[in-house]
Amino acid sequence: MKKIVCATALAAIFCILILTAGCADGMPKPLPGQSLPPKLHVEDSNTATGEGQVDGNGTEKQGYVKAELVSAGGDFASWNAFAPGKGINTSIANDFGWKLTIRLPQDATITGITISNRGTRQAWSTKAGAYPLVLVGPNKNSETVQLAGTSDVKIGPYNAGTYKFMAYGQPEAASYGQAITPFNGGEVAVELLDGTVLRGIAGASSMLPQPPKEENEPADYKIFQERDSLRGKFPPTADIDETIVVASISPAEDGGSGFILISRKGGKPEKIPEGGSFEVKRRAYSDPYIVKVGVVGRDSSGNLGVVLYLYKSGTTPA
């Protein structure tokens, strides 16, 4: 009985030795008539090194795309045009800016690039049906230019290889007066003319576009007469969150400074002299506009008037 057990154990050890010696990388040899599946090259688009599989000529056989939000300070796109502008629910014109790295596995023409914002209905694309995605990068002559001024434009052709672009999209708020929706991360998809789609992950970022840096200069000015309201007079009227009326104007007929009386809804009239200023609440921001009173007087027809200068938030009238 002991001899039989020993013989069985030796046979088992002998089989194990044969199997493990059959393949240097630890994989078992296929049985006769079978073949093992090829090893797959799997690459995370956020950590790609650029070292993919190559064929006998040294040409990369696989493509990838990765996107990284790197800026929020330029204005290249609006909510409905491949040109500078604002959103529907925000007056902030500055855009999200993504750095794109695209590796083309073969000569190709790009027919579309789309970036989606996870958990929202927001998407930016060079194709119709989403917010415009303005693409800046090398053209077929290796010149850095804006690559599309309208939607559904073919980009390229390009030779196989790795290319870097900047892509800009107008941010948006869920409704007017709310903060801009942050970029929660999502997918970036690159469509090629032959039907290939390269997909990657666009990482989340807390970076948010801010209003442009303000200079110590008025954004605008207008001549007001008595009973004129500020609402409807200045270009950013949608941001003025209160009704302010120039109730009366006193000219500087005695050689001194004139003044105006402003009336706020539900408040007492305020007397503001030439050179003085007052605040106007803004709907979408905590910082108010500042209105400075300019020259008070009469025009050539004898009508009373006053020049009011509008300063944006974060500035001090000179």
C-alpha atoms as a PDB file:
ATOM      1  CA  MET A   1       0.000   0.000   0.000  1.00  0.00           C
ATOM      2  CA  LYS A   2       2.834   2.422   0.894  1.00  0.00           C
ATOM      3  CA  LYS A   3       4.487   1.736  -2.455  1.00  0.00           C
ATOM      4  CA  ILE A   4       1.323   2.680  -4.333  1.00  0.00           C
ATOM      5  CA  VAL A   5       0.965   6.001  -2.400  1.00  0.00           C
ATOM      6  CA  CYS A   6       4.602   6.904  -2.999  1.00  0.00           C
ATOM      7  CA  ALA A   7       4.323   6.144  -6.697  1.00  0.00           C
ATOM      8  CA  THR A   8       1.217   8.342  -6.961  1.00  0.00           C
ATOM      9  CA  ALA A   9       2.932  11.253  -5.168  1.00  0.00           C
ATOM     10  CA  LEU A  10       6.008  11.025  -7.373  1.00  0.00           C
ATOM     11  CA  ALA A  11       3.824  11.035 -10.475  1.00  0.00           C
ATOM     12  CA  ALA A  12       2.029  14.194  -9.259  1.00  0.00           C
ATOM     13  CA  ILE A  13       5.325  15.979  -8.583  1.00  0.00           C
ATOM     14  CA  PHE A  14       6.630  14.916 -12.003  1.00  0.00           C
ATOM     15  CA  CYS A  15       3.492  16.390 -13.686  1.00  0.00           C
ATOM     16  CA  ILE A  16       3.862  19.684 -11.814  1.00  0.00           C
ATOM     17  CA  LEU A  17       7.499  19.979 -12.886  1.00  0.00           C
ATOM     18  CA  ILE A  18       6.561  19.412 -16.513  1.00  0.00           C
ATOM     19  CA  LEU A  19       3.780  22.036 -16.417  1.00  0.00           C
ATOM     20  CA  THR A  20       5.848  24.729 -14.736  1.00  0.00           C
ATOM     21  CA  ALA A  21       8.787  24.137 -17.015  1.00  0.00           C
ATOM     22  CA  GLY A  22       6.574  24.270 -20.063  1.00  0.00           C
ATOM     23  CA  CYS A  23       6.525  28.080 -20.231  1.00  0.00           C
ATOM     24  CA  ALA A  24       9.170  30.465 -18.949  1.00  0.00           C
ATOM     25  CA  ASP A  25       6.627  33.200 -18.054  1.00  0.00           C
ATOM     26  CA  GLY A  26       4.573  30.881 -15.826  1.00  0.00           C
ATOM     27  CA  MET A  27       1.768  30.404 -18.374  1.00  0.00           C
ATOM     28  CA  PRO A  28       0.838  26.787 -19.185  1.00  0.00           C
ATOM     29  CA  LYS A  29       1.507  25.465 -22.662  1.00  0.00           C
ATOM     30  CA  PRO A  30      -1.617  25.103 -24.834  1.00  0.00           C
ATOM     31  CA  LEU A  31      -2.904  21.631 -25.493  1.00  0.00           C
ATOM     32  CA  PRO A  32      -2.446  20.277 -29.026  1.00  0.00           C
ATOM     33  CA  GLY A  33      -4.736  22.117 -31.423  1.00  0.00           C
ATOM     34  CA  GLN A  34      -5.308  25.051 -29.015  1.00  0.00           C
ATOM     35  CA  SER A  35      -3.784  28.508 -28.824  1.00  0.00           C
ATOM     36  CA  LEU A  36      -3.643  30.984 -25.963  1.00  0.00           C
ATOM     37  CA  PRO A  37      -5.238  34.453 -26.343  1.00  0.00           C
ATOM     38  CA  PRO A  38      -2.713  37.178 -27.078  1.00  0.00           C
ATOM     39  CA  LYS A  39      -1.546  39.390 -24.210  1.00  0.00           C
ATOM     40  CA  LEU A  40      -3.610  42.586 -24.190  1.00  0.00           C
ATOM     41  CA  HIS A  41      -2.007  46.026 -23.938  1.00  0.00           C
ATOM     42  CA  VAL A  42      -4.189  47.902 -21.407  1.00  0.00           C
ATOM     43  CA  GLU A  43      -3.446  51.534 -20.705  1.00  0.00           C
ATOM     44  CA  ASP A  44      -5.190  54.060 -18.434  1.00  0.00           C
ATOM     45  CA  SER A  45      -5.666  57.229 -20.460  1.00  0.00           C
ATOM     46  CA  ASN A  46      -4.826  59.353 -17.409  1.00  0.00           C
ATOM     47  CA  THR A  47      -1.463  57.661 -16.820  1.00  0.00           C
ATOM     48  CA  ALA A  48      -0.403  56.846 -20.354  1.00  0.00           C
ATOM     49  CA  THR A  49       3.331  57.049 -20.877  1.00  0.00           C
ATOM     50  CA  GLY A  50       3.292  57.134 -24.649  1.00  0.00           C
ATOM     51  CA  GLU A  51       4.943  53.722 -24.859  1.00  0.00           C
ATOM     52  CA  GLY A  52       2.379  51.506 -26.562  1.00  0.00           C
ATOM     53  CA  GLN A  53       2.698  48.422 -28.671  1.00  0.00           C
ATOM     54  CA  VAL A  54       4.633  48.806 -31.901  1.00  0.00           C
ATOM     55  CA  ASP A  55       4.735  46.733 -35.043  1.00  0.00           C
ATOM     56  CA  GLY A  56       7.845  45.575 -36.908  1.00  0.00           C
ATOM     57  CA  ASN A  57       8.326  49.032 -38.419  1.00  0.00           C
ATOM     58  CA  GLY A  58       8.191  50.763 -35.056  1.00  0.00           C
ATOM     59  CA  THR A  59       4.685  52.191 -35.657  1.00  0.00           C
ATOM     60  CA  GLU A  60       2.393  52.387 -32.647  1.00  0.00           C
ATOM     61  CA  LYS A  61      -0.584  50.078 -33.072  1.00  0.00           C
ATOM     62  CA  GLN A  62      -2.867  51.615 -30.430  1.00  0.00           C
ATOM     63  CA  GLY A  63      -4.178  55.112 -29.828  1.00  0.00           C
ATOM     64  CA  TYR A  64      -5.344  56.935 -26.741  1.00  0.00           C
ATOM     65  CA  VAL A  65      -6.587  60.297 -25.562  1.00  0.00           C
ATOM     66  CA  LYS A  66      -6.272  62.008 -22.208  1.00  0.00           C
ATOM     67  CA  ALA A  67      -7.643  65.360 -20.993  1.00  0.00           C
ATOM     68  CA  GLU A  68      -6.601  67.535 -18.069  1.00  0.00           C
ATOM     69  CA  LEU A  69      -8.253  70.770 -16.940  1.00  0.00           C
ATOM     70  CA  VAL A  70      -5.337  73.209 -16.685  1.00  0.00           C
ATOM     71  CA  SER A  71      -6.805  76.712 -17.008  1.00  0.00           C
ATOM     72  CA  ALA A  72      -9.902  78.798 -16.373  1.00  0.00           C
ATOM     73  CA  GLY A  73      -8.787  82.251 -17.424  1.00  0.00           C
ATOM     74  CA  GLY A  74      -9.175  82.696 -21.188  1.00  0.00           C
ATOM     75  CA  ASP A  75     -12.217  83.552 -23.286  1.00  0.00           C
ATOM     76  CA  PHE A  76     -12.372  81.547 -26.503  1.00  0.00           C
ATOM     77  CA  ALA A  77     -15.911  80.144 -26.582  1.00  0.00           C
ATOM     78  CA  SER A  78     -19.483  81.126 -25.742  1.00  0.00           C
ATOM     79  CA  TRP A  79     -22.571  79.030 -25.134  1.00  0.00           C
ATOM     80  CA  ASN A  80     -23.565  79.074 -28.818  1.00  0.00           C
ATOM     81  CA  ALA A  81     -20.516  80.092 -30.862  1.00  0.00           C
ATOM     82  CA  PHE A  82     -16.895  79.107 -31.485  1.00  0.00           C
ATOM     83  CA  ALA A  83     -15.897  82.638 -30.469  1.00  0.00           C
ATOM     84  CA  PRO A  84     -15.486  84.651 -27.239  1.00  0.00           C
ATOM     85  CA  GLY A  85     -18.652  85.219 -25.240  1.00  0.00           C
ATOM     86  CA  LYS A  86     -20.676  84.352 -22.152  1.00  0.00           C
ATOM     87  CA  GLY A  87     -23.030  81.615 -21.030  1.00  0.00           C
ATOM     88  CA  ILE A  88     -26.800  81.608 -20.727  1.00  0.00           C
ATOM     89  CA  ASN A  89     -26.913  81.654 -16.930  1.00  0.00           C
ATOM     90  CA  THR A  90     -23.637  83.417 -16.146  1.00  0.00           C
ATOM     91  CA  SER A  91     -21.988  86.655 -17.175  1.00  0.00           C
ATOM     92  CA  ILE A  92     -18.509  85.176 -16.627  1.00  0.00           C
ATOM     93  CA  ALA A  93     -16.909  84.824 -20.029  1.00  0.00           C
ATOM     94  CA  ASN A  94     -13.753  82.951 -19.028  1.00  0.00           C
ATOM     95  CA  ASP A  95     -13.674  79.314 -20.129  1.00  0.00           C
ATOM     96  CA  PHE A  96     -12.609  75.915 -18.924  1.00  0.00           C
ATOM     97  CA  GLY A  97      -9.338  75.017 -20.672  1.00  0.00           C
ATOM     98  CA  TRP A  98      -8.324  71.381 -21.136  1.00  0.00           C
ATOM     99  CA  LYS A  99      -4.950  70.088 -22.315  1.00  0.00           C
ATOM    100  CA  LEU A 100      -5.560  67.214 -24.715  1.00  0.00           C
ATOM    101  CA  THR A 101      -3.019  64.601 -25.688  1.00  0.00           C
ATOM    102  CA  ILE A 102      -4.122  62.457 -28.622  1.00  0.00           C
ATOM    103  CA  ARG A 103      -2.140  59.547 -29.988  1.00  0.00           C
ATOM    104  CA  LEU A 104      -3.258  58.438 -33.433  1.00  0.00           C
ATOM    105  CA  PRO A 105      -2.446  54.810 -34.215  1.00  0.00           C
ATOM    106  CA  GLN A 106      -2.492  55.481 -37.960  1.00  0.00           C
ATOM    107  CA  ASP A 107      -2.872  58.389 -40.362  1.00  0.00           C
ATOM    108  CA  ALA A 108      -6.259  59.876 -39.537  1.00  0.00           C
ATOM    109  CA  THR A 109      -8.677  62.785 -39.799  1.00  0.00           C
ATOM    110  CA  ILE A 110     -10.526  63.859 -36.642  1.00  0.00           C
ATOM    111  CA  THR A 111     -14.271  64.349 -37.123  1.00  0.00           C
ATOM    112  CA  GLY A 112     -15.231  65.171 -33.565  1.00  0.00           C
ATOM    113  CA  ILE A 113     -13.986  65.744 -30.017  1.00  0.00           C
ATOM    114  CA  THR A 114     -16.404  65.742 -27.078  1.00  0.00           C
ATOM    115  CA  ILE A 115     -15.848  66.297 -23.346  1.00  0.00           C
ATOM    116  CA  SER A 116     -18.671  65.494 -20.920  1.00  0.00           C
ATOM    117  CA  ASN A 117     -19.183  66.681 -17.342  1.00  0.00           C
ATOM    118  CA  ARG A 118     -20.092  63.746 -15.101  1.00  0.00           C
ATOM    119  CA  GLY A 119     -23.368  64.049 -13.177  1.00  0.00           C
ATOM    120  CA  THR A 120     -24.642  66.943 -15.303  1.00  0.00           C
ATOM    121  CA  ARG A 121     -26.142  67.443 -18.740  1.00  0.00           C
ATOM    122  CA  GLN A 122     -23.150  69.559 -19.766  1.00  0.00           C
ATOM    123  CA  ALA A 123     -20.964  68.565 -22.694  1.00  0.00           C
ATOM    124  CA  TRP A 124     -18.652  70.466 -24.996  1.00  0.00           C
ATOM    125  CA  SER A 125     -17.978  69.322 -28.542  1.00  0.00           C
ATOM    126  CA  THR A 126     -16.612  70.276 -31.924  1.00  0.00           C
ATOM    127  CA  LYS A 127     -19.823  68.684 -33.226  1.00  0.00           C
ATOM    128  CA  ALA A 128     -23.333  70.121 -33.164  1.00  0.00           C
ATOM    129  CA  GLY A 129     -25.632  69.357 -30.241  1.00  0.00           C
ATOM    130  CA  ALA A 130     -23.445  70.521 -27.332  1.00  0.00           C
ATOM    131  CA  TYR A 131     -21.689  73.633 -26.095  1.00  0.00           C
ATOM    132  CA  PRO A 132     -18.971  74.617 -28.598  1.00  0.00           C
ATOM    133  CA  LEU A 133     -15.515  73.203 -27.911  1.00  0.00           C
ATOM    134  CA  VAL A 134     -12.881  75.498 -29.398  1.00  0.00           C
ATOM    135  CA  LEU A 135      -9.779  73.527 -30.369  1.00  0.00           C
ATOM    136  CA  VAL A 136      -6.376  75.209 -30.621  1.00  0.00           C
ATOM    137  CA  GLY A 137      -3.393  73.234 -31.837  1.00  0.00           C
ATOM    138  CA  PRO A 138      -1.298  72.177 -34.821  1.00  0.00           C
ATOM    139  CA  ASN A 139      -2.925  72.069 -38.233  1.00  0.00           C
ATOM    140  CA  LYS A 140      -1.703  69.765 -41.003  1.00  0.00           C
ATOM    141  CA  ASN A 141       1.121  72.253 -41.633  1.00  0.00           C
ATOM    142  CA  SER A 142       2.188  72.143 -37.944  1.00  0.00           C
ATOM    143  CA  GLU A 143       0.983  75.716 -37.378  1.00  0.00           C
ATOM    144  CA  THR A 144      -0.750  76.425 -34.042  1.00  0.00           C
ATOM    145  CA  VAL A 145      -4.169  77.863 -34.893  1.00  0.00           C
ATOM    146  CA  GLN A 146      -7.841  77.652 -33.938  1.00  0.00           C
ATOM    147  CA  LEU A 147      -8.850  74.538 -35.832  1.00  0.00           C
ATOM    148  CA  ALA A 148     -12.591  75.052 -36.232  1.00  0.00           C
ATOM    149  CA  GLY A 149     -14.806  78.130 -36.373  1.00  0.00           C
ATOM    150  CA  THR A 150     -18.039  76.169 -36.728  1.00  0.00           C
ATOM    151  CA  SER A 151     -19.340  72.756 -35.712  1.00  0.00           C
ATOM    152  CA  ASP A 152     -18.773  69.468 -37.564  1.00  0.00           C
ATOM    153  CA  VAL A 153     -15.513  70.567 -39.194  1.00  0.00           C
ATOM    154  CA  LYS A 154     -13.017  67.856 -40.142  1.00  0.00           C
ATOM    155  CA  ILE A 155      -9.660  68.381 -38.432  1.00  0.00           C
ATOM    156  CA  GLY A 156      -6.527  67.136 -40.134  1.00  0.00           C
ATOM    157  CA  PRO A 157      -5.451  64.908 -41.750  1.00  0.00           C
ATOM    158  CA  TYR A 158      -2.620  63.940 -39.425  1.00  0.00           C
ATOM    159  CA  ASN A 159       0.076  61.326 -39.681  1.00  0.00           C
ATOM    160  CA  ALA A 160       0.195  58.596 -37.046  1.00  0.00           C
ATOM    161  CA  GLY A 161       1.727  59.968 -33.874  1.00  0.00           C
ATOM    162  CA  THR A 162       1.066  61.969 -30.706  1.00  0.00           C
ATOM    163  CA  TYR A 163      -0.406  65.483 -30.799  1.00  0.00           C
ATOM    164  CA  LYS A 164      -1.183  68.069 -28.125  1.00  0.00           C
ATOM    165  CA  PHE A 165      -4.093  70.526 -28.235  1.00  0.00           C
ATOM    166  CA  MET A 166      -5.870  73.014 -25.982  1.00  0.00           C
ATOM    167  CA  ALA A 167      -9.666  72.794 -25.884  1.00  0.00           C
ATOM    168  CA  TYR A 168     -11.862  75.559 -24.454  1.00  0.00           C
ATOM    169  CA  GLY A 169     -15.501  75.409 -23.367  1.00  0.00           C
ATOM    170  CA  GLN A 170     -17.854  77.994 -21.862  1.00  0.00           C
ATOM    171  CA  PRO A 171     -18.841  77.057 -18.277  1.00  0.00           C
ATOM    172  CA  GLU A 172     -22.432  77.350 -17.157  1.00  0.00           C
ATOM    173  CA  ALA A 173     -24.617  77.561 -14.063  1.00  0.00           C
ATOM    174  CA  ALA A 174     -27.687  75.414 -13.502  1.00  0.00           C
ATOM    175  CA  SER A 175     -29.834  78.558 -13.344  1.00  0.00           C
ATOM    176  CA  TYR A 176     -29.293  82.281 -13.305  1.00  0.00           C
ATOM    177  CA  GLY A 177     -27.806  83.600 -10.092  1.00  0.00           C
ATOM    178  CA  GLN A 178     -26.255  80.285  -9.100  1.00  0.00           C
ATOM    179  CA  ALA A 179     -22.546  79.535  -9.045  1.00  0.00           C
ATOM    180  CA  ILE A 180     -20.856  77.992 -12.051  1.00  0.00           C
ATOM    181  CA  THR A 181     -21.128  74.208 -12.155  1.00  0.00           C
ATOM    182  CA  PRO A 182     -17.647  72.774 -11.481  1.00  0.00           C
ATOM    183  CA  PHE A 183     -16.044  70.217 -13.746  1.00  0.00           C
ATOM    184  CA  ASN A 184     -16.702  66.904 -12.025  1.00  0.00           C
ATOM    185  CA  GLY A 185     -14.628  64.906 -14.465  1.00  0.00           C
ATOM    186  CA  GLY A 186     -16.006  62.811 -17.275  1.00  0.00           C
ATOM    187  CA  GLU A 187     -15.157  61.256 -20.609  1.00  0.00           C
ATOM    188  CA  VAL A 188     -13.259  62.636 -23.557  1.00  0.00           C
ATOM    189  CA  ALA A 189     -14.021  61.001 -26.898  1.00  0.00           C
ATOM    190  CA  VAL A 190     -12.178  61.519 -30.201  1.00  0.00           C
ATOM    191  CA  GLU A 191     -13.952  60.341 -33.354  1.00  0.00           C
ATOM    192  CA  LEU A 192     -11.955  59.554 -36.490  1.00  0.00           C
ATOM    193  CA  LEU A 193     -13.077  59.529 -40.093  1.00  0.00           C
ATOM    194  CA  ASP A 194     -12.736  55.743 -40.380  1.00  0.00           C
ATOM    195  CA  GLY A 195     -15.219  55.221 -37.543  1.00  0.00           C
ATOM    196  CA  THR A 196     -12.642  54.661 -34.802  1.00  0.00           C
ATOM    197  CA  VAL A 197     -13.449  56.287 -31.445  1.00  0.00           C
ATOM    198  CA  LEU A 198     -10.690  56.902 -28.900  1.00  0.00           C
ATOM    199  CA  ARG A 199     -12.019  57.289 -25.363  1.00  0.00           C
ATOM    200  CA  GLY A 200     -10.319  58.502 -22.215  1.00  0.00           C
ATOM    201  CA  ILE A 201     -11.034  59.947 -18.801  1.00  0.00           C
ATOM    202  CA  ALA A 202     -11.010  63.694 -18.153  1.00  0.00           C
ATOM    203  CA  GLY A 203     -10.111  64.155 -14.496  1.00  0.00           C
ATOM    204  CA  ALA A 204     -12.172  66.270 -12.104  1.00  0.00           C
ATOM    205  CA  SER A 205     -10.917  69.655 -10.955  1.00  0.00           C
ATOM    206  CA  SER A 206     -11.970  72.327  -8.452  1.00  0.00           C
ATOM    207  CA  MET A 207     -10.700  75.032 -10.817  1.00  0.00           C
ATOM    208  CA  LEU A 208     -13.430  77.565 -11.662  1.00  0.00           C
ATOM    209  CA  PRO A 209     -13.419  80.456 -14.137  1.00  0.00           C
ATOM    210  CA  GLN A 210     -13.485  83.857 -12.481  1.00  0.00           C
ATOM    211  CA  PRO A 211     -14.417  87.303 -13.779  1.00  0.00           C
ATOM    212  CA  PRO A 212     -11.519  88.951 -15.628  1.00  0.00           C
ATOM    213  CA  LYS A 213      -9.118  90.971 -13.522  1.00  0.00           C
ATOM    214  CA  GLU A 214     -10.559  94.436 -13.173  1.00  0.00           C
ATOM    215  CA  GLU A 215      -8.638  97.597 -13.874  1.00  0.00           C
ATOM    216  CA  ASN A 216      -9.252 100.915 -12.137  1.00  0.00           C
ATOM    217  CA  GLU A 217     -11.362 102.134 -15.026  1.00  0.00           C
ATOM    218  CA  PRO A 218     -15.127 102.361 -15.455  1.00  0.00           C
ATOM    219  CA  ALA A 219     -16.803  99.601 -17.419  1.00  0.00           C
ATOM    220  CA  ASP A 220     -19.213 102.093 -18.927  1.00  0.00           C
ATOM    221  CA  TYR A 221     -20.854 105.488 -18.441  1.00  0.00           C
ATOM    222  CA  LYS A 222     -24.120 107.087 -19.454  1.00  0.00           C
ATOM    223  CA  ILE A 223     -25.805 110.505 -19.178  1.00  0.00           C
ATOM    224  CA  PHE A 224     -28.890 110.318 -16.962  1.00  0.00           C
ATOM    225  CA  GLN A 225     -31.780 112.696 -16.583  1.00  0.00           C
ATOM    226  CA  GLU A 226     -34.325 112.970 -13.805  1.00  0.00           C
ATOM    227  CA  ARG A 227     -36.541 109.873 -13.386  1.00  0.00           C
ATOM    228  CA  ASP A 228     -34.109 107.724 -15.378  1.00  0.00           C
ATOM    229  CA  SER A 229     -33.574 104.221 -13.971  1.00  0.00           C
ATOM    230  CA  LEU A 230     -30.204 102.487 -13.969  1.00  0.00           C
ATOM    231  CA  ARG A 231     -31.900  99.252 -14.947  1.00  0.00           C
ATOM    232  CA  GLY A 232     -31.897  99.074 -18.736  1.00  0.00           C
ATOM    233  CA  LYS A 233     -29.246 101.746 -19.202  1.00  0.00           C
ATOM    234  CA  PHE A 234     -25.967  99.893 -18.738  1.00  0.00           C
ATOM    235  CA  PRO A 235     -24.982  96.829 -20.833  1.00  0.00           C
ATOM    236  CA  PRO A 236     -24.788  94.351 -17.914  1.00  0.00           C
ATOM    237  CA  THR A 237     -28.374  95.183 -16.921  1.00  0.00           C
ATOM    238  CA  ALA A 238     -29.167  91.546 -16.133  1.00  0.00           C
ATOM    239  CA  ASP A 239     -26.730  91.719 -13.205  1.00  0.00           C
ATOM    240  CA  ILE A 240     -28.382  94.731 -11.510  1.00  0.00           C
ATOM    241  CA  ASP A 241     -30.615  93.306  -8.818  1.00  0.00           C
ATOM    242  CA  GLU A 242     -32.348  96.453  -7.594  1.00  0.00           C
ATOM    243  CA  THR A 243     -34.230  99.357  -9.119  1.00  0.00           C
ATOM    244  CA  ILE A 244     -32.418 102.655  -8.669  1.00  0.00           C
ATOM    245  CA  VAL A 245     -33.906 105.864 -10.046  1.00  0.00           C
ATOM    246  CA  VAL A 246     -32.277 109.284 -10.401  1.00  0.00           C
ATOM    247  CA  ALA A 247     -35.005 111.089  -8.461  1.00  0.00           C
ATOM    248  CA  SER A 248     -33.761 114.639  -8.936  1.00  0.00           C
ATOM    249  CA  ILE A 249     -30.709 116.574 -10.069  1.00  0.00           C
ATOM    250  CA  SER A 250     -29.386 119.832  -8.681  1.00  0.00           C
ATOM    251  CA  PRO A 251     -27.035 121.690 -11.049  1.00  0.00           C
ATOM    252  CA  ALA A 252     -23.908 123.514  -9.936  1.00  0.00           C
ATOM    253  CA  GLU A 253     -25.306 126.947 -10.833  1.00  0.00           C
ATOM    254  CA  ASP A 254     -23.668 128.600  -7.838  1.00  0.00           C
ATOM    255  CA  GLY A 255     -20.232 127.467  -8.929  1.00  0.00           C
ATOM    256  CA  GLY A 256     -20.140 124.662  -6.388  1.00  0.00           C
ATOM    257  CA  SER A 257     -20.637 120.965  -6.874  1.00  0.00           C
ATOM    258  CA  GLY A 258     -23.979 119.696  -8.053  1.00  0.00           C
ATOM    259  CA  PHE A 259     -25.607 116.558  -6.691  1.00  0.00           C
ATOM    260  CA  ILE A 260     -28.265 113.988  -7.447  1.00  0.00           C
ATOM    261  CA  LEU A 261     -30.866 112.247  -5.353  1.00  0.00           C
ATOM    262  CA  ILE A 262     -31.161 108.522  -5.967  1.00  0.00           C
ATOM    263  CA  SER A 263     -34.156 106.527  -4.873  1.00  0.00           C
ATOM    264  CA  ARG A 264     -34.059 102.812  -4.080  1.00  0.00           C
ATOM    265  CA  LYS A 265     -37.166 100.691  -3.895  1.00  0.00           C
ATOM    266  CA  GLY A 266     -38.191 100.531  -0.262  1.00  0.00           C
ATOM    267  CA  GLY A 267     -35.443 102.910   0.845  1.00  0.00           C
ATOM    268  CA  LYS A 268     -34.951 106.605   1.568  1.00  0.00           C
ATOM    269  CA  PRO A 269     -33.552 108.867  -1.188  1.00  0.00           C
ATOM    270  CA  GLU A 270     -29.796 109.417  -0.935  1.00  0.00           C
ATOM    271  CA  LYS A 271     -28.057 112.670  -1.799  1.00  0.00           C
ATOM    272  CA  ILE A 272     -24.845 112.015  -3.767  1.00  0.00           C
ATOM    273  CA  PRO A 273     -22.511 114.934  -4.698  1.00  0.00           C
ATOM    274  CA  GLU A 274     -20.288 115.167  -7.754  1.00  0.00           C
ATOM    275  CA  GLY A 275     -17.372 112.803  -7.249  1.00  0.00           C
ATOM    276  CA  GLY A 276     -19.357 110.702  -4.790  1.00  0.00           C
ATOM    277  CA  SER A 277     -20.382 107.128  -5.367  1.00  0.00           C
ATOM    278  CA  PHE A 278     -22.983 104.522  -4.395  1.00  0.00           C
ATOM    279  CA  GLU A 279     -23.341 100.772  -4.666  1.00  0.00           C
ATOM    280  CA  VAL A 280     -25.661  98.725  -6.845  1.00  0.00           C
ATOM    281  CA  LYS A 281     -26.408  95.121  -5.878  1.00  0.00           C
ATOM    282  CA  ARG A 282     -25.597  92.445  -8.403  1.00  0.00           C
ATOM    283  CA  ARG A 283     -27.721  89.382  -8.944  1.00  0.00           C
ATOM    284  CA  ALA A 284     -25.062  86.713  -9.495  1.00  0.00           C
ATOM    285  CA  TYR A 285     -22.250  87.973  -7.255  1.00  0.00           C
ATOM    286  CA  SER A 286     -21.725  89.096  -3.702  1.00  0.00           C
ATOM    287  CA  ASP A 287     -19.664  92.118  -4.806  1.00  0.00           C
ATOM    288  CA  PRO A 288     -21.719  95.135  -5.938  1.00  0.00           C
ATOM    289  CA  TYR A 289     -21.214  97.491  -8.821  1.00  0.00           C
ATOM    290  CA  ILE A 290     -19.969 100.921  -7.826  1.00  0.00           C
ATOM    291  CA  VAL A 291     -21.535 103.946  -9.510  1.00  0.00           C
ATOM    292  CA  LYS A 292     -19.617 107.225  -9.409  1.00  0.00           C
ATOM    293  CA  VAL A 293     -21.309 110.576  -9.953  1.00  0.00           C
ATOM    294  CA  GLY A 294     -19.649 112.676 -12.631  1.00  0.00           C
ATOM    295  CA  VAL A 295     -20.454 116.152 -13.904  1.00  0.00           C
ATOM    296  CA  VAL A 296     -23.875 117.532 -13.019  1.00  0.00           C
ATOM    297  CA  GLY A 297     -25.268 120.312 -15.205  1.00  0.00           C
ATOM    298  CA  ARG A 298     -27.457 121.360 -18.104  1.00  0.00           C
ATOM    299  CA  ASP A 299     -27.034 120.529 -21.757  1.00  0.00           C
ATOM    300  CA  SER A 300     -27.299 123.019 -24.636  1.00  0.00           C
ATOM    301  CA  SER A 301     -31.092 122.659 -24.544  1.00  0.00           C
ATOM    302  CA  GLY A 302     -31.251 123.465 -20.834  1.00  0.00           C
ATOM    303  CA  ASN A 303     -32.035 119.904 -19.747  1.00  0.00           C
ATOM    304  CA  LEU A 304     -30.616 118.743 -16.423  1.00  0.00           C
ATOM    305  CA  GLY A 305     -28.295 115.772 -16.643  1.00  0.00           C
ATOM    306  CA  VAL A 306     -25.606 113.870 -14.799  1.00  0.00           C
ATOM    307  CA  VAL A 307     -22.858 111.539 -15.969  1.00  0.00           C
ATOM    308  CA  LEU A 308     -22.778 108.274 -14.046  1.00  0.00           C
ATOM    309  CA  TYR A 309     -19.806 105.912 -14.319  1.00  0.00           C
ATOM    310  CA  LEU A 310     -20.249 102.182 -13.681  1.00  0.00           C
ATOM    311  CA  TYR A 311     -17.317 100.355 -12.064  1.00  0.00           C
ATOM    312  CA  LYS A 312     -17.208  96.582 -11.830  1.00  0.00           C
ATOM    313  CA  SER A 313     -16.682  94.659  -8.620  1.00  0.00           C
ATOM    314  CA  GLY A 314     -13.313  94.714  -6.940  1.00  0.00           C
ATOM    315  CA  THR A 315     -12.354  98.168  -8.208  1.00  0.00           C
ATOM    316  CA  THR A 316     -12.090 101.581  -6.631  1.00  0.00           C
ATOM    317  CA  PRO A 317     -13.135 104.599  -8.680  1.00  0.00           C
ATOM    318  CA  ALA A 318     -10.228 106.947  -9.331  1.00  0.00           C
END
